[in-house]
Structure formats: structure tokens, C-alpha cells
Amino acid sequence: MNVNRKEIDGVRIQAKHRASCHCGSVEIELHLPEGLVDLRRCDCSMCRRRGAIVASVPLENINILKGKEYLKLYQFNTKTAKHYFCGICGIYTHHQRRSNPSQFGFNVAFLEGINPLKLENIPTYDGVNHPADL
């Protein structure tokens, strides 16, 4: 099930939407002409713990405006996926996917003006049995 949204609780997803961490040290602009594409949760060991809803974007559709020096990289298991978070406040921002390295998954809660708690019926992908592990 592919879930896409152009609006959440009356807030329209902008074609170029800004995102920021809690402390404001990291700011990113995402090019989202189709809104939020492929919204999902994942039940892998990492995603279960961070609890984020993510959407998908091609690698070239993320532009780091500020704070690249504050982004920290975390990798585990096969060390293929690249998970980024603010090194000051700890907020997960985005990750380069292992299942599709030409995409970033990004934290919907990272988007300015968006409340992910207003999203319903978001599918959970089976990250425990990851396709790259089969």
C-alpha cells in the first residue's frame, strides 16, 4: 500500500518545504512536488526505537541549507543505510535507504508546520525481514 499526502490537518505540503531539527541547528529544504510520497513506518530495530513516520524523496531532492557540520551519521548491521541526526538535539532527520540507495527516507516530524500525530492509517513495512537480507 503506497500512501501519499499533499496536506496534513489543513497544512499543505509545499513544493519546496523546509525542515528543521528541534534546536534549529540543521535546516533542510526538500523538493516535494507530489507532496509526501510513500509514507510509512518500519519495524526494524532502528525504526521501532525512533518511532518516526517517514516519506520518500530522491537523493537530489534534499538540500541542506544549514548545519551540515552538525549532522551525525549512524550505521549498523550491514552498514549500507546511512542514518542522519542532529548531533546537538538528537532529532533524526533523514536516511539513505538500504532497500533503495537512490532515495532518502525523511522524518515527517522534521517538516516545519507538520504534526505527524495527525496522520492515520500509515502502513508498517517489514524491516525485520528486510528484502536485502533474503
Protein backbone atom coordinates (compact mmCIF):
# COMPACT_ATOMS: atom_id res chain seq x y z
CA MET A 1 0.00 0.00 0.00
CA ASN A 2 1.54 3.30 -1.12
CA VAL A 3 0.27 6.22 0.99
CA ASN A 4 0.79 9.77 -0.30
CA ARG A 5 -0.44 13.10 1.14
CA LYS A 6 -0.45 16.68 -0.13
CA GLU A 7 -1.94 18.04 3.09
CA ILE A 8 -1.92 17.14 6.77
CA ASP A 9 -4.52 18.59 9.12
CA GLY A 10 -5.09 21.60 6.88
CA VAL A 11 -1.38 22.29 6.28
CA ARG A 12 -0.44 21.97 2.62
CA ILE A 13 2.87 20.31 1.76
CA GLN A 14 4.83 22.90 -0.19
CA ALA A 15 6.67 22.03 -3.42
CA LYS A 16 9.80 23.25 -1.59
CA HIS A 17 9.20 22.55 2.09
CA ARG A 18 11.61 23.49 4.85
CA ALA A 19 12.52 21.16 7.66
CA SER A 20 14.44 21.76 10.86
CA CYS A 21 15.60 19.91 13.94
CA HIS A 22 14.43 20.82 17.45
CA CYS A 23 17.30 23.18 18.24
CA GLY A 24 17.33 24.77 14.76
CA SER A 25 20.96 23.90 14.04
CA VAL A 26 20.03 21.80 11.00
CA GLU A 27 17.78 23.17 8.26
CA ILE A 28 16.94 21.30 5.09
CA GLU A 29 14.82 22.14 2.08
CA LEU A 30 13.01 19.24 0.46
CA HIS A 31 11.68 19.34 -3.09
CA LEU A 32 8.24 17.71 -2.72
CA PRO A 33 6.27 18.46 -5.92
CA GLU A 34 4.00 15.44 -5.30
CA GLY A 35 3.63 16.08 -1.56
CA LEU A 36 4.59 13.33 0.86
CA VAL A 37 5.26 10.16 -1.10
CA ASP A 38 5.27 6.60 0.24
CA LEU A 39 4.51 7.42 3.87
CA ARG A 40 5.39 4.50 6.13
CA ARG A 41 6.62 3.18 9.40
CA CYS A 42 9.11 0.34 9.70
CA ASP A 43 9.54 -2.33 12.35
CA CYS A 44 13.31 -2.87 12.05
CA SER A 45 15.32 -2.50 15.26
CA MET A 46 16.23 1.13 14.47
CA CYS A 47 12.83 2.39 13.30
CA ARG A 48 10.96 0.67 16.13
CA ARG A 49 13.03 2.63 18.61
CA ARG A 50 12.81 6.02 16.91
CA GLY A 51 9.09 5.69 16.10
CA ALA A 52 9.18 8.02 13.10
CA ILE A 53 6.85 8.18 10.14
CA VAL A 54 8.94 8.64 7.01
CA ALA A 55 8.28 9.68 3.43
CA SER A 56 10.46 9.11 0.37
CA VAL A 57 12.38 11.55 -1.80
CA PRO A 58 15.08 11.10 -4.49
CA LEU A 59 18.59 11.93 -3.25
CA GLU A 60 18.75 15.09 -5.34
CA ASN A 61 15.57 16.46 -3.72
CA ILE A 62 17.22 17.22 -0.37
CA ASN A 63 19.21 20.42 0.02
CA ILE A 64 20.98 21.04 3.34
CA LEU A 65 20.64 24.77 3.93
CA LYS A 66 22.33 24.99 7.31
CA GLY A 67 24.13 22.79 9.81
CA LYS A 68 25.72 20.10 7.66
CA GLU A 69 28.56 20.13 10.20
CA TYR A 70 26.06 19.16 12.94
CA LEU A 71 24.65 16.15 11.11
CA LYS A 72 25.92 12.89 12.56
CA LEU A 73 25.92 9.56 10.73
CA TYR A 74 24.86 6.29 12.32
CA GLN A 75 25.17 2.92 10.58
CA PHE A 76 24.58 -0.59 11.86
CA ASN A 77 24.31 -4.22 10.71
CA THR A 78 25.40 -4.21 7.03
CA LYS A 79 26.41 -0.52 7.29
CA THR A 80 24.67 0.14 3.96
CA ALA A 81 21.92 2.51 5.12
CA LYS A 82 23.06 5.92 6.34
CA HIS A 83 21.01 7.37 9.20
CA TYR A 84 21.47 11.08 9.97
CA PHE A 85 20.54 13.03 13.07
CA CYS A 86 21.36 16.39 14.64
CA GLY A 87 24.42 16.00 16.85
CA ILE A 88 23.17 18.74 19.17
CA CYS A 89 19.49 17.93 19.86
CA GLY A 90 19.45 14.32 18.58
CA ILE A 91 16.49 14.65 16.19
CA TYR A 92 16.51 12.08 13.36
CA THR A 93 16.39 13.97 10.07
CA HIS A 94 16.79 11.50 7.19
CA HIS A 95 18.44 8.33 6.00
CA GLN A 96 19.71 6.90 2.74
CA ARG A 97 17.88 3.63 2.27
CA ARG A 98 19.44 0.22 2.05
CA SER A 99 16.46 -1.07 0.07
CA ASN A 100 16.70 1.81 -2.44
CA PRO A 101 20.01 3.75 -2.19
CA SER A 102 18.74 6.30 -4.74
CA GLN A 103 16.25 7.56 -2.15
CA PHE A 104 16.26 9.25 1.19
CA GLY A 105 13.61 8.48 3.75
CA PHE A 106 12.97 11.59 5.83
CA ASN A 107 11.33 12.20 9.17
CA VAL A 108 7.88 13.72 8.56
CA ALA A 109 8.03 15.33 12.04
CA PHE A 110 11.12 17.23 10.84
CA LEU A 111 8.95 19.23 8.37
CA GLU A 112 8.06 22.72 9.54
CA GLY A 113 4.37 23.10 10.41
CA ILE A 114 3.56 19.39 10.15
CA ASN A 115 2.18 17.30 13.02
CA PRO A 116 2.69 13.60 12.20
CA LEU A 117 0.33 12.66 15.04
CA LYS A 118 -2.50 13.78 12.72
CA LEU A 119 -1.62 11.03 10.21
CA GLU A 120 -3.75 7.90 10.29
CA ASN A 121 -3.56 4.54 8.54
CA ILE A 122 0.17 4.62 7.86
CA PRO A 123 1.39 1.16 6.80
CA THR A 124 4.25 -0.54 8.62
CA TYR A 125 6.90 -2.14 6.42
CA ASP A 126 8.53 -5.39 7.48
CA GLY A 127 12.06 -4.23 8.23
CA VAL A 128 12.76 -7.24 10.44
CA ASN A 129 12.68 -9.41 7.31
CA HIS A 130 14.41 -6.87 5.08
CA PRO A 131 14.40 -7.74 1.36
CA ALA A 132 18.17 -7.25 1.21
CA ASP A 133 18.57 -9.99 3.83
CA LEU A 134 16.59 -12.64 1.95
